[in-house]
Amino acid sequence: MGVRTVITGGPGTGKTALILELERQGYFCFHEIIREMTLEAKQEETQALVNPLAFVKDPLSFNRMLLQERIKQFEEAGQLQVSPLFYDRGIPDVLAYMDYFNQGYDVEFTEPCRRLRYDLVVLLPPWEAIYRQDNERLERFEEACEIHESLEAVYRKFGYQVEALNPGTIEERVTKLLEVLVRYEEQNSTGGS
């Protein structure tokens, strides 16, 4: 089983570009699924640019579907014989967004976060210079900053050490990410410190 690395952050921080570059370099990556789900939800309900949950009749069901898809990615990775594995967002991201939008949840959502554990969590901070709204990225930059804080808080709540991956060129970010991964592997092959 490979090292599971989540790449997370608020909207518009460069996660997808990083994932695509890692994939281009031959790494196995699971892609974000919320953009497709948001597009599908918007086809059902057309409204002004707001939270994607405004496009669905039942936000809890939408989040439940998102949670199940992220769990499916996690379980699928267990069948793969590749290392490392990269995820564009992880299971706790669902709770971070629910927290941000003041939506309640119970053990159905928290239990998978406790049970299904990633090895590394890499958080991309808000980066105003590259931030753009589009048909699936609906938040203003200020909201993206608040979501960033919610993501960091949720991952820390579940006991993760969160590694920041600061703004830079895609090449610089890939290099830094792979350095973090090598450091993790070295610490865990020698028992850590």
N, C-alpha and C. Protein backbone atom coordinates (compact mmCIF):
# COMPACT_ATOMS: atom_id res chain seq x y z
N MET A 1 0.85 -1.18 0.00
CA MET A 1 0.00 0.00 0.00
C MET A 1 0.89 1.24 0.00
N GLY A 2 0.60 2.16 -0.89
CA GLY A 2 1.40 3.37 -1.02
C GLY A 2 1.10 4.41 0.04
N VAL A 3 1.99 5.39 0.14
CA VAL A 3 1.78 6.52 1.03
C VAL A 3 0.62 7.35 0.48
N ARG A 4 -0.37 7.58 1.33
CA ARG A 4 -1.57 8.34 0.92
C ARG A 4 -1.35 9.81 1.28
N THR A 5 -1.32 10.67 0.26
CA THR A 5 -1.10 12.10 0.48
C THR A 5 -2.29 12.89 -0.03
N VAL A 6 -2.92 13.63 0.87
CA VAL A 6 -4.02 14.52 0.50
C VAL A 6 -3.45 15.88 0.17
N ILE A 7 -3.88 16.41 -0.96
CA ILE A 7 -3.59 17.80 -1.32
C ILE A 7 -4.90 18.55 -1.17
N THR A 8 -4.93 19.48 -0.23
CA THR A 8 -6.17 20.20 0.05
C THR A 8 -5.90 21.69 0.15
N GLY A 9 -6.95 22.45 0.30
CA GLY A 9 -6.86 23.89 0.41
C GLY A 9 -8.17 24.49 -0.05
N GLY A 10 -8.34 25.75 0.20
CA GLY A 10 -9.54 26.43 -0.26
C GLY A 10 -9.61 26.44 -1.78
N PRO A 11 -10.72 26.89 -2.31
CA PRO A 11 -10.86 26.94 -3.76
C PRO A 11 -9.82 27.88 -4.39
N GLY A 12 -9.36 27.52 -5.57
CA GLY A 12 -8.49 28.39 -6.34
C GLY A 12 -7.07 28.51 -5.83
N THR A 13 -6.56 27.48 -5.15
CA THR A 13 -5.20 27.54 -4.61
C THR A 13 -4.18 26.81 -5.46
N GLY A 14 -4.63 26.20 -6.55
CA GLY A 14 -3.71 25.51 -7.45
C GLY A 14 -3.64 24.00 -7.26
N LYS A 15 -4.61 23.43 -6.53
CA LYS A 15 -4.61 21.98 -6.27
C LYS A 15 -4.67 21.19 -7.57
N THR A 16 -5.60 21.56 -8.44
CA THR A 16 -5.79 20.78 -9.68
C THR A 16 -4.56 20.85 -10.56
N ALA A 17 -3.96 22.04 -10.69
CA ALA A 17 -2.74 22.17 -11.50
C ALA A 17 -1.63 21.29 -10.93
N LEU A 18 -1.52 21.24 -9.61
CA LEU A 18 -0.50 20.41 -8.96
C LEU A 18 -0.77 18.93 -9.22
N ILE A 19 -2.02 18.51 -9.06
CA ILE A 19 -2.39 17.12 -9.32
C ILE A 19 -2.10 16.74 -10.77
N LEU A 20 -2.46 17.61 -11.71
CA LEU A 20 -2.23 17.31 -13.13
C LEU A 20 -0.74 17.19 -13.44
N GLU A 21 0.09 18.03 -12.81
CA GLU A 21 1.53 17.94 -13.03
C GLU A 21 2.10 16.66 -12.42
N LEU A 22 1.64 16.30 -11.23
CA LEU A 22 2.09 15.04 -10.63
C LEU A 22 1.72 13.86 -11.53
N GLU A 23 0.51 13.91 -12.05
CA GLU A 23 0.05 12.84 -12.95
C GLU A 23 0.90 12.81 -14.21
N ARG A 24 1.21 13.98 -14.75
CA ARG A 24 2.05 14.06 -15.96
C ARG A 24 3.42 13.43 -15.71
N GLN A 25 3.90 13.55 -14.46
CA GLN A 25 5.20 12.99 -14.10
C GLN A 25 5.11 11.50 -13.74
N GLY A 26 3.92 10.92 -13.84
CA GLY A 26 3.78 9.48 -13.66
C GLY A 26 3.24 9.04 -12.31
N TYR A 27 2.85 9.97 -11.46
CA TYR A 27 2.30 9.61 -10.15
C TYR A 27 0.81 9.30 -10.28
N PHE A 28 0.34 8.43 -9.40
CA PHE A 28 -1.08 8.07 -9.41
C PHE A 28 -1.85 9.08 -8.57
N CYS A 29 -2.89 9.66 -9.18
CA CYS A 29 -3.66 10.72 -8.51
C CYS A 29 -5.16 10.45 -8.62
N PHE A 30 -5.85 10.68 -7.52
CA PHE A 30 -7.31 10.68 -7.51
C PHE A 30 -7.77 12.12 -7.69
N HIS A 31 -8.69 12.33 -8.61
CA HIS A 31 -9.14 13.69 -8.92
C HIS A 31 -10.30 14.12 -8.03
N GLU A 32 -10.43 15.44 -7.89
CA GLU A 32 -11.54 16.04 -7.15
C GLU A 32 -12.85 15.70 -7.85
N ILE A 33 -13.87 15.40 -7.06
CA ILE A 33 -15.16 15.01 -7.64
C ILE A 33 -16.23 16.07 -7.46
N ILE A 34 -15.98 17.08 -6.65
CA ILE A 34 -17.02 18.06 -6.36
C ILE A 34 -17.37 18.91 -7.58
N ARG A 35 -16.39 19.20 -8.46
CA ARG A 35 -16.70 20.05 -9.62
C ARG A 35 -17.75 19.40 -10.50
N GLU A 36 -17.60 18.11 -10.74
CA GLU A 36 -18.59 17.41 -11.56
C GLU A 36 -19.95 17.37 -10.86
N MET A 37 -19.93 17.13 -9.55
CA MET A 37 -21.19 17.10 -8.81
C MET A 37 -21.87 18.47 -8.80
N THR A 38 -21.06 19.54 -8.72
CA THR A 38 -21.61 20.89 -8.73
C THR A 38 -22.25 21.18 -10.08
N LEU A 39 -21.58 20.78 -11.15
CA LEU A 39 -22.16 20.98 -12.49
C LEU A 39 -23.49 20.26 -12.63
N GLU A 40 -23.53 19.02 -12.14
CA GLU A 40 -24.78 18.25 -12.22
C GLU A 40 -25.88 18.92 -11.40
N ALA A 41 -25.52 19.40 -10.21
CA ALA A 41 -26.52 20.06 -9.36
C ALA A 41 -27.01 21.34 -10.02
N LYS A 42 -26.11 22.09 -10.66
CA LYS A 42 -26.52 23.34 -11.30
C LYS A 42 -27.44 23.09 -12.47
N GLN A 43 -27.31 21.96 -13.13
CA GLN A 43 -28.20 21.65 -14.24
C GLN A 43 -29.62 21.42 -13.74
N GLU A 44 -29.73 20.97 -12.50
CA GLU A 44 -31.05 20.73 -11.91
C GLU A 44 -31.68 22.02 -11.42
N GLU A 45 -30.89 22.92 -10.87
CA GLU A 45 -31.39 24.17 -10.28
C GLU A 45 -30.49 25.30 -10.74
N THR A 46 -30.99 26.25 -11.49
CA THR A 46 -30.16 27.38 -11.92
C THR A 46 -30.42 28.56 -11.01
N GLN A 47 -29.33 29.09 -10.44
CA GLN A 47 -29.39 30.25 -9.55
C GLN A 47 -28.16 31.10 -9.77
N ALA A 48 -28.09 32.21 -9.07
CA ALA A 48 -26.91 33.07 -9.14
C ALA A 48 -25.71 32.35 -8.54
N LEU A 49 -24.53 32.91 -8.77
CA LEU A 49 -23.31 32.30 -8.25
C LEU A 49 -23.29 32.36 -6.72
N VAL A 50 -23.50 31.23 -6.10
CA VAL A 50 -23.46 31.11 -4.64
C VAL A 50 -22.91 29.74 -4.30
N ASN A 51 -22.96 29.39 -3.03
CA ASN A 51 -22.53 28.08 -2.56
C ASN A 51 -23.14 26.97 -3.39
N PRO A 52 -22.35 25.96 -3.85
CA PRO A 52 -22.90 24.89 -4.66
C PRO A 52 -24.05 24.17 -3.98
N LEU A 53 -24.07 24.16 -2.64
CA LEU A 53 -25.16 23.49 -1.95
C LEU A 53 -26.49 24.19 -2.18
N ALA A 54 -26.45 25.43 -2.64
CA ALA A 54 -27.69 26.15 -2.95
C ALA A 54 -28.35 25.57 -4.20
N PHE A 55 -27.61 24.78 -4.96
CA PHE A 55 -28.15 24.21 -6.19
C PHE A 55 -28.85 22.88 -5.95
N VAL A 56 -28.79 22.37 -4.75
CA VAL A 56 -29.39 21.07 -4.49
C VAL A 56 -30.56 21.22 -3.52
N LYS A 57 -31.52 20.36 -3.69
CA LYS A 57 -32.71 20.42 -2.84
C LYS A 57 -32.41 19.91 -1.43
N ASP A 58 -31.44 18.99 -1.31
CA ASP A 58 -31.13 18.38 -0.03
C ASP A 58 -29.61 18.41 0.20
N PRO A 59 -29.08 19.48 0.84
CA PRO A 59 -27.64 19.58 1.05
C PRO A 59 -27.04 18.39 1.80
N LEU A 60 -27.77 17.84 2.77
CA LEU A 60 -27.24 16.71 3.52
C LEU A 60 -27.02 15.51 2.59
N SER A 61 -27.96 15.25 1.71
CA SER A 61 -27.80 14.15 0.76
C SER A 61 -26.64 14.40 -0.19
N PHE A 62 -26.48 15.65 -0.61
CA PHE A 62 -25.35 16.01 -1.48
C PHE A 62 -24.04 15.71 -0.76
N ASN A 63 -23.92 16.14 0.49
CA ASN A 63 -22.70 15.89 1.26
C ASN A 63 -22.50 14.40 1.53
N ARG A 64 -23.58 13.68 1.75
CA ARG A 64 -23.49 12.24 1.95
C ARG A 64 -22.94 11.56 0.69
N MET A 65 -23.43 11.98 -0.49
CA MET A 65 -22.92 11.43 -1.75
C MET A 65 -21.45 11.75 -1.93
N LEU A 66 -21.07 12.99 -1.60
CA LEU A 66 -19.67 13.40 -1.71
C LEU A 66 -18.80 12.58 -0.77
N LEU A 67 -19.25 12.40 0.46
CA LEU A 67 -18.54 11.58 1.43
C LEU A 67 -18.34 10.16 0.90
N GLN A 68 -19.41 9.56 0.36
CA GLN A 68 -19.32 8.20 -0.15
C GLN A 68 -18.34 8.09 -1.31
N GLU A 69 -18.31 9.11 -2.17
CA GLU A 69 -17.37 9.09 -3.30
C GLU A 69 -15.92 9.19 -2.81
N ARG A 70 -15.69 10.00 -1.79
CA ARG A 70 -14.33 10.11 -1.24
C ARG A 70 -13.93 8.81 -0.53
N ILE A 71 -14.87 8.19 0.16
CA ILE A 71 -14.60 6.89 0.79
C ILE A 71 -14.27 5.85 -0.29
N LYS A 72 -15.01 5.90 -1.38
CA LYS A 72 -14.76 4.96 -2.49
C LYS A 72 -13.34 5.14 -3.04
N GLN A 73 -12.89 6.39 -3.18
CA GLN A 73 -11.52 6.63 -3.63
C GLN A 73 -10.52 6.04 -2.65
N PHE A 74 -10.77 6.25 -1.37
CA PHE A 74 -9.87 5.74 -0.33
C PHE A 74 -9.79 4.22 -0.41
N GLU A 75 -10.92 3.56 -0.53
CA GLU A 75 -10.96 2.10 -0.58
C GLU A 75 -10.34 1.56 -1.86
N GLU A 76 -10.57 2.25 -2.97
CA GLU A 76 -9.97 1.84 -4.24
C GLU A 76 -8.45 1.88 -4.15
N ALA A 77 -7.92 2.86 -3.46
CA ALA A 77 -6.46 2.98 -3.31
C ALA A 77 -5.87 1.76 -2.60
N GLY A 78 -6.67 1.14 -1.72
CA GLY A 78 -6.21 -0.05 -1.02
C GLY A 78 -5.92 -1.22 -1.94
N GLN A 79 -6.48 -1.19 -3.13
CA GLN A 79 -6.28 -2.26 -4.11
C GLN A 79 -5.08 -2.00 -5.02
N LEU A 80 -4.53 -0.80 -4.94
CA LEU A 80 -3.45 -0.41 -5.85
C LEU A 80 -2.09 -0.74 -5.25
N GLN A 81 -1.19 -1.12 -6.11
CA GLN A 81 0.18 -1.44 -5.68
C GLN A 81 1.13 -0.36 -6.18
N VAL A 82 0.78 0.89 -5.91
CA VAL A 82 1.62 2.01 -6.33
C VAL A 82 1.87 2.91 -5.12
N SER A 83 3.01 3.59 -5.16
CA SER A 83 3.33 4.53 -4.10
C SER A 83 4.16 5.65 -4.71
N PRO A 84 3.88 6.86 -4.34
CA PRO A 84 2.81 7.33 -3.45
C PRO A 84 1.49 7.48 -4.19
N LEU A 85 0.43 7.75 -3.43
CA LEU A 85 -0.90 8.03 -3.98
C LEU A 85 -1.26 9.45 -3.57
N PHE A 86 -1.77 10.23 -4.52
CA PHE A 86 -2.18 11.60 -4.23
C PHE A 86 -3.68 11.75 -4.42
N TYR A 87 -4.30 12.50 -3.50
CA TYR A 87 -5.74 12.77 -3.56
C TYR A 87 -5.96 14.28 -3.68
N ASP A 88 -6.78 14.69 -4.62
CA ASP A 88 -7.22 16.08 -4.70
C ASP A 88 -8.42 16.19 -3.76
N ARG A 89 -8.15 16.51 -2.52
CA ARG A 89 -9.07 16.60 -1.38
C ARG A 89 -9.28 15.21 -0.76
N GLY A 90 -9.55 15.24 0.55
CA GLY A 90 -9.77 14.01 1.29
C GLY A 90 -11.11 13.99 1.98
N ILE A 91 -11.37 12.93 2.69
CA ILE A 91 -12.66 12.73 3.38
C ILE A 91 -12.95 13.88 4.36
N PRO A 92 -12.00 14.35 5.18
CA PRO A 92 -12.31 15.44 6.11
C PRO A 92 -12.72 16.74 5.44
N ASP A 93 -12.39 16.93 4.16
CA ASP A 93 -12.80 18.15 3.46
C ASP A 93 -14.31 18.32 3.50
N VAL A 94 -15.04 17.21 3.46
CA VAL A 94 -16.50 17.28 3.49
C VAL A 94 -16.95 17.97 4.77
N LEU A 95 -16.38 17.58 5.90
CA LEU A 95 -16.75 18.16 7.19
C LEU A 95 -16.32 19.62 7.28
N ALA A 96 -15.16 19.96 6.69
CA ALA A 96 -14.69 21.34 6.73
C ALA A 96 -15.67 22.26 6.03
N TYR A 97 -16.17 21.82 4.89
CA TYR A 97 -17.15 22.63 4.16
C TYR A 97 -18.48 22.68 4.91
N MET A 98 -18.86 21.57 5.52
CA MET A 98 -20.10 21.58 6.31
C MET A 98 -19.96 22.53 7.50
N ASP A 99 -18.80 22.53 8.14
CA ASP A 99 -18.55 23.49 9.23
C ASP A 99 -18.65 24.91 8.71
N TYR A 100 -18.00 25.16 7.58
CA TYR A 100 -17.99 26.52 7.02
C TYR A 100 -19.41 27.02 6.74
N PHE A 101 -20.27 26.14 6.24
CA PHE A 101 -21.64 26.52 5.90
C PHE A 101 -22.62 26.24 7.03
N ASN A 102 -22.08 26.00 8.25
CA ASN A 102 -22.91 25.81 9.45
C ASN A 102 -23.95 24.70 9.28
N GLN A 103 -23.51 23.58 8.72
CA GLN A 103 -24.39 22.43 8.54
C GLN A 103 -24.02 21.37 9.58
N GLY A 104 -25.00 20.86 10.25
CA GLY A 104 -24.75 19.84 11.25
C GLY A 104 -24.43 18.49 10.63
N TYR A 105 -23.71 17.67 11.39
CA TYR A 105 -23.42 16.30 10.97
C TYR A 105 -23.21 15.46 12.21
N ASP A 106 -23.27 14.16 12.01
CA ASP A 106 -23.14 13.24 13.14
C ASP A 106 -22.06 12.22 12.85
N VAL A 107 -22.11 11.11 13.56
CA VAL A 107 -21.09 10.07 13.47
C VAL A 107 -20.99 9.48 12.07
N GLU A 108 -22.05 9.54 11.29
CA GLU A 108 -22.00 9.06 9.91
C GLU A 108 -20.89 9.77 9.14
N PHE A 109 -20.63 11.04 9.48
CA PHE A 109 -19.59 11.82 8.81
C PHE A 109 -18.26 11.78 9.56
N THR A 110 -18.29 11.77 10.87
CA THR A 110 -17.04 11.81 11.63
C THR A 110 -16.32 10.46 11.69
N GLU A 111 -17.08 9.38 11.72
CA GLU A 111 -16.47 8.05 11.86
C GLU A 111 -15.52 7.72 10.70
N PRO A 112 -15.89 7.96 9.43
CA PRO A 112 -14.93 7.68 8.36
C PRO A 112 -13.65 8.52 8.47
N CYS A 113 -13.77 9.74 9.01
CA CYS A 113 -12.58 10.59 9.18
C CYS A 113 -11.65 10.01 10.23
N ARG A 114 -12.20 9.37 11.24
CA ARG A 114 -11.38 8.75 12.29
C ARG A 114 -10.78 7.42 11.81
N ARG A 115 -11.56 6.67 11.06
CA ARG A 115 -11.18 5.30 10.68
C ARG A 115 -10.29 5.24 9.44
N LEU A 116 -10.57 6.04 8.44
CA LEU A 116 -9.84 5.98 7.17
C LEU A 116 -8.80 7.09 7.17
N ARG A 117 -7.56 6.72 7.42
CA ARG A 117 -6.50 7.69 7.68
C ARG A 117 -5.55 7.84 6.49
N TYR A 118 -5.23 9.09 6.21
CA TYR A 118 -4.20 9.41 5.22
C TYR A 118 -2.86 9.50 5.95
N ASP A 119 -1.78 9.41 5.18
CA ASP A 119 -0.45 9.50 5.77
C ASP A 119 0.02 10.95 5.87
N LEU A 120 -0.23 11.72 4.83
CA LEU A 120 0.22 13.11 4.77
C LEU A 120 -0.93 14.01 4.35
N VAL A 121 -0.96 15.21 4.91
CA VAL A 121 -1.93 16.23 4.50
C VAL A 121 -1.14 17.47 4.13
N VAL A 122 -1.26 17.87 2.88
CA VAL A 122 -0.57 19.05 2.37
C VAL A 122 -1.63 20.09 2.05
N LEU A 123 -1.49 21.26 2.67
CA LEU A 123 -2.48 22.32 2.56
C LEU A 123 -1.91 23.47 1.73
N LEU A 124 -2.62 23.83 0.66
CA LEU A 124 -2.23 24.95 -0.17
C LEU A 124 -2.97 26.20 0.31
N PRO A 125 -2.24 27.24 0.72
CA PRO A 125 -2.89 28.43 1.27
C PRO A 125 -3.53 29.28 0.17
N PRO A 126 -4.42 30.18 0.55
CA PRO A 126 -5.03 31.09 -0.44
C PRO A 126 -3.95 31.87 -1.18
N TRP A 127 -4.21 32.10 -2.47
CA TRP A 127 -3.24 32.77 -3.33
C TRP A 127 -4.02 33.69 -4.25
N GLU A 128 -4.15 34.94 -3.84
CA GLU A 128 -5.02 35.88 -4.55
C GLU A 128 -4.60 36.10 -5.99
N ALA A 129 -3.30 36.05 -6.28
CA ALA A 129 -2.81 36.32 -7.64
C ALA A 129 -3.35 35.34 -8.67
N ILE A 130 -3.64 34.11 -8.26
CA ILE A 130 -4.14 33.12 -9.23
C ILE A 130 -5.62 32.82 -9.06
N TYR A 131 -6.25 33.47 -8.08
CA TYR A 131 -7.64 33.12 -7.77
C TYR A 131 -8.59 33.63 -8.85
N ARG A 132 -9.47 32.74 -9.32
CA ARG A 132 -10.50 33.08 -10.30
C ARG A 132 -11.78 32.36 -9.95
N GLN A 133 -12.90 33.06 -10.01
CA GLN A 133 -14.20 32.40 -9.90
C GLN A 133 -14.54 31.84 -11.28
N ASP A 134 -15.30 30.74 -11.29
CA ASP A 134 -15.79 30.19 -12.55
C ASP A 134 -17.13 29.50 -12.29
N ASN A 135 -17.58 28.71 -13.26
CA ASN A 135 -18.90 28.09 -13.14
C ASN A 135 -19.01 27.07 -12.03
N GLU A 136 -17.87 26.53 -11.55
CA GLU A 136 -17.91 25.57 -10.45
C GLU A 136 -17.24 26.12 -9.19
N ARG A 137 -16.37 27.11 -9.34
CA ARG A 137 -15.72 27.75 -8.18
C ARG A 137 -16.50 29.04 -7.92
N LEU A 138 -17.37 28.98 -6.94
CA LEU A 138 -18.37 30.03 -6.77
C LEU A 138 -18.03 31.05 -5.69
N GLU A 139 -17.03 30.76 -4.87
CA GLU A 139 -16.74 31.58 -3.71
C GLU A 139 -15.90 32.81 -4.08
N ARG A 140 -16.11 33.91 -3.36
CA ARG A 140 -15.23 35.07 -3.45
C ARG A 140 -13.92 34.73 -2.75
N PHE A 141 -12.86 35.51 -3.03
CA PHE A 141 -11.55 35.21 -2.45
C PHE A 141 -11.60 35.21 -0.92
N GLU A 142 -12.34 36.16 -0.34
CA GLU A 142 -12.44 36.23 1.12
C GLU A 142 -13.07 34.96 1.69
N GLU A 143 -14.04 34.43 0.98
CA GLU A 143 -14.67 33.17 1.40
C GLU A 143 -13.68 32.02 1.27
N ALA A 144 -12.87 32.04 0.22
CA ALA A 144 -11.85 30.99 0.03
C ALA A 144 -10.87 30.99 1.20
N CYS A 145 -10.53 32.17 1.72
CA CYS A 145 -9.63 32.26 2.88
C CYS A 145 -10.28 31.64 4.11
N GLU A 146 -11.57 31.90 4.30
CA GLU A 146 -12.28 31.32 5.45
C GLU A 146 -12.39 29.80 5.32
N ILE A 147 -12.60 29.31 4.10
CA ILE A 147 -12.65 27.86 3.88
C ILE A 147 -11.30 27.24 4.19
N HIS A 148 -10.22 27.91 3.81
CA HIS A 148 -8.87 27.45 4.13
C HIS A 148 -8.73 27.22 5.64
N GLU A 149 -9.18 28.19 6.42
CA GLU A 149 -9.10 28.08 7.88
C GLU A 149 -9.93 26.90 8.39
N SER A 150 -11.10 26.70 7.80
CA SER A 150 -11.96 25.59 8.20
C SER A 150 -11.30 24.25 7.88
N LEU A 151 -10.67 24.16 6.71
CA LEU A 151 -9.98 22.92 6.32
C LEU A 151 -8.84 22.60 7.29
N GLU A 152 -8.03 23.60 7.59
CA GLU A 152 -6.91 23.36 8.50
C GLU A 152 -7.41 22.92 9.87
N ALA A 153 -8.47 23.57 10.35
CA ALA A 153 -9.02 23.24 11.67
C ALA A 153 -9.54 21.81 11.72
N VAL A 154 -10.24 21.38 10.69
CA VAL A 154 -10.81 20.02 10.68
C VAL A 154 -9.71 18.97 10.62
N TYR A 155 -8.73 19.14 9.76
CA TYR A 155 -7.65 18.15 9.69
C TYR A 155 -6.90 18.07 11.03
N ARG A 156 -6.65 19.21 11.64
CA ARG A 156 -5.96 19.20 12.93
C ARG A 156 -6.84 18.55 14.00
N LYS A 157 -8.15 18.79 13.94
CA LYS A 157 -9.07 18.17 14.90
C LYS A 157 -8.99 16.64 14.83
N PHE A 158 -8.75 16.10 13.64
CA PHE A 158 -8.64 14.65 13.49
C PHE A 158 -7.21 14.15 13.65
N GLY A 159 -6.34 15.00 14.19
CA GLY A 159 -5.00 14.56 14.59
C GLY A 159 -3.94 14.59 13.51
N TYR A 160 -4.20 15.27 12.41
CA TYR A 160 -3.20 15.35 11.35
C TYR A 160 -2.23 16.49 11.60
N GLN A 161 -0.97 16.24 11.24
CA GLN A 161 0.00 17.32 11.14
C GLN A 161 -0.14 17.85 9.72
N VAL A 162 -0.44 19.12 9.58
CA VAL A 162 -0.71 19.70 8.26
C VAL A 162 0.55 20.41 7.76
N GLU A 163 0.99 20.02 6.56
CA GLU A 163 2.15 20.64 5.92
C GLU A 163 1.68 21.72 4.96
N ALA A 164 2.18 22.93 5.10
CA ALA A 164 1.83 24.02 4.17
C ALA A 164 2.70 23.94 2.93
N LEU A 165 2.09 24.20 1.78
CA LEU A 165 2.81 24.23 0.51
C LEU A 165 2.58 25.62 -0.08
N ASN A 166 3.52 26.50 0.16
CA ASN A 166 3.35 27.91 -0.18
C ASN A 166 3.29 28.17 -1.67
N PRO A 167 2.77 29.35 -2.05
CA PRO A 167 2.70 29.70 -3.48
C PRO A 167 4.07 29.64 -4.14
N GLY A 168 4.05 29.34 -5.42
CA GLY A 168 5.27 29.25 -6.22
C GLY A 168 4.90 28.69 -7.58
N THR A 169 5.90 28.52 -8.43
CA THR A 169 5.63 27.91 -9.73
C THR A 169 5.20 26.46 -9.51
N ILE A 170 4.59 25.88 -10.50
CA ILE A 170 4.16 24.49 -10.37
C ILE A 170 5.36 23.59 -10.14
N GLU A 171 6.49 23.90 -10.77
CA GLU A 171 7.70 23.10 -10.59
C GLU A 171 8.21 23.21 -9.16
N GLU A 172 8.20 24.44 -8.60
CA GLU A 172 8.64 24.63 -7.22
C GLU A 172 7.73 23.88 -6.24
N ARG A 173 6.44 23.92 -6.52
CA ARG A 173 5.50 23.24 -5.63
C ARG A 173 5.66 21.73 -5.69
N VAL A 174 5.84 21.19 -6.88
CA VAL A 174 6.05 19.75 -7.01
C VAL A 174 7.32 19.35 -6.26
N THR A 175 8.39 20.11 -6.44
CA THR A 175 9.66 19.82 -5.77
C THR A 175 9.48 19.82 -4.25
N LYS A 176 8.83 20.85 -3.74
CA LYS A 176 8.60 20.95 -2.29
C LYS A 176 7.73 19.80 -1.79
N LEU A 177 6.66 19.47 -2.53
CA LEU A 177 5.78 18.37 -2.15
C LEU A 177 6.55 17.06 -2.08
N LEU A 178 7.38 16.80 -3.07
CA LEU A 178 8.14 15.55 -3.09
C LEU A 178 9.18 15.52 -1.98
N GLU A 179 9.71 16.69 -1.60
CA GLU A 179 10.63 16.76 -0.44
C GLU A 179 9.89 16.39 0.84
N VAL A 180 8.69 16.88 1.01
CA VAL A 180 7.87 16.56 2.18
C VAL A 180 7.61 15.05 2.22
N LEU A 181 7.31 14.48 1.07
CA LEU A 181 7.04 13.05 0.97
C LEU A 181 8.28 12.22 1.32
N VAL A 182 9.43 12.61 0.80
CA VAL A 182 10.69 11.89 1.10
C VAL A 182 10.97 11.96 2.60
N ARG A 183 10.80 13.14 3.19
CA ARG A 183 11.03 13.29 4.63
C ARG A 183 10.09 12.37 5.42
N TYR A 184 8.83 12.31 5.02
CA TYR A 184 7.86 11.42 5.68
C TYR A 184 8.32 9.97 5.58
N GLU A 185 8.71 9.55 4.37
CA GLU A 185 9.11 8.15 4.16
C GLU A 185 10.36 7.81 4.97
N GLU A 186 11.32 8.75 5.03
CA GLU A 186 12.54 8.51 5.83
C GLU A 186 12.21 8.38 7.30
N GLN A 187 11.36 9.25 7.81
CA GLN A 187 10.99 9.20 9.23
C GLN A 187 10.27 7.91 9.58
N ASN A 188 9.46 7.42 8.65
CA ASN A 188 8.67 6.23 8.94
C ASN A 188 9.41 4.93 8.63
N SER A 189 10.48 4.98 7.84
CA SER A 189 11.26 3.76 7.61
C SER A 189 12.25 3.53 8.73
N THR A 190 12.59 4.60 9.49
CA THR A 190 13.55 4.45 10.58
C THR A 190 12.88 4.56 11.95
N GLY A 191 11.55 4.56 11.96
CA GLY A 191 10.86 4.65 13.21
C GLY A 191 10.50 6.05 13.61
N GLY A 192 10.94 7.06 12.79
CA GLY A 192 10.58 8.44 13.05
C GLY A 192 11.34 9.02 14.23
N SER A 193 11.12 10.30 14.44
CA SER A 193 11.75 10.97 15.57
C SER A 193 10.77 11.85 16.29
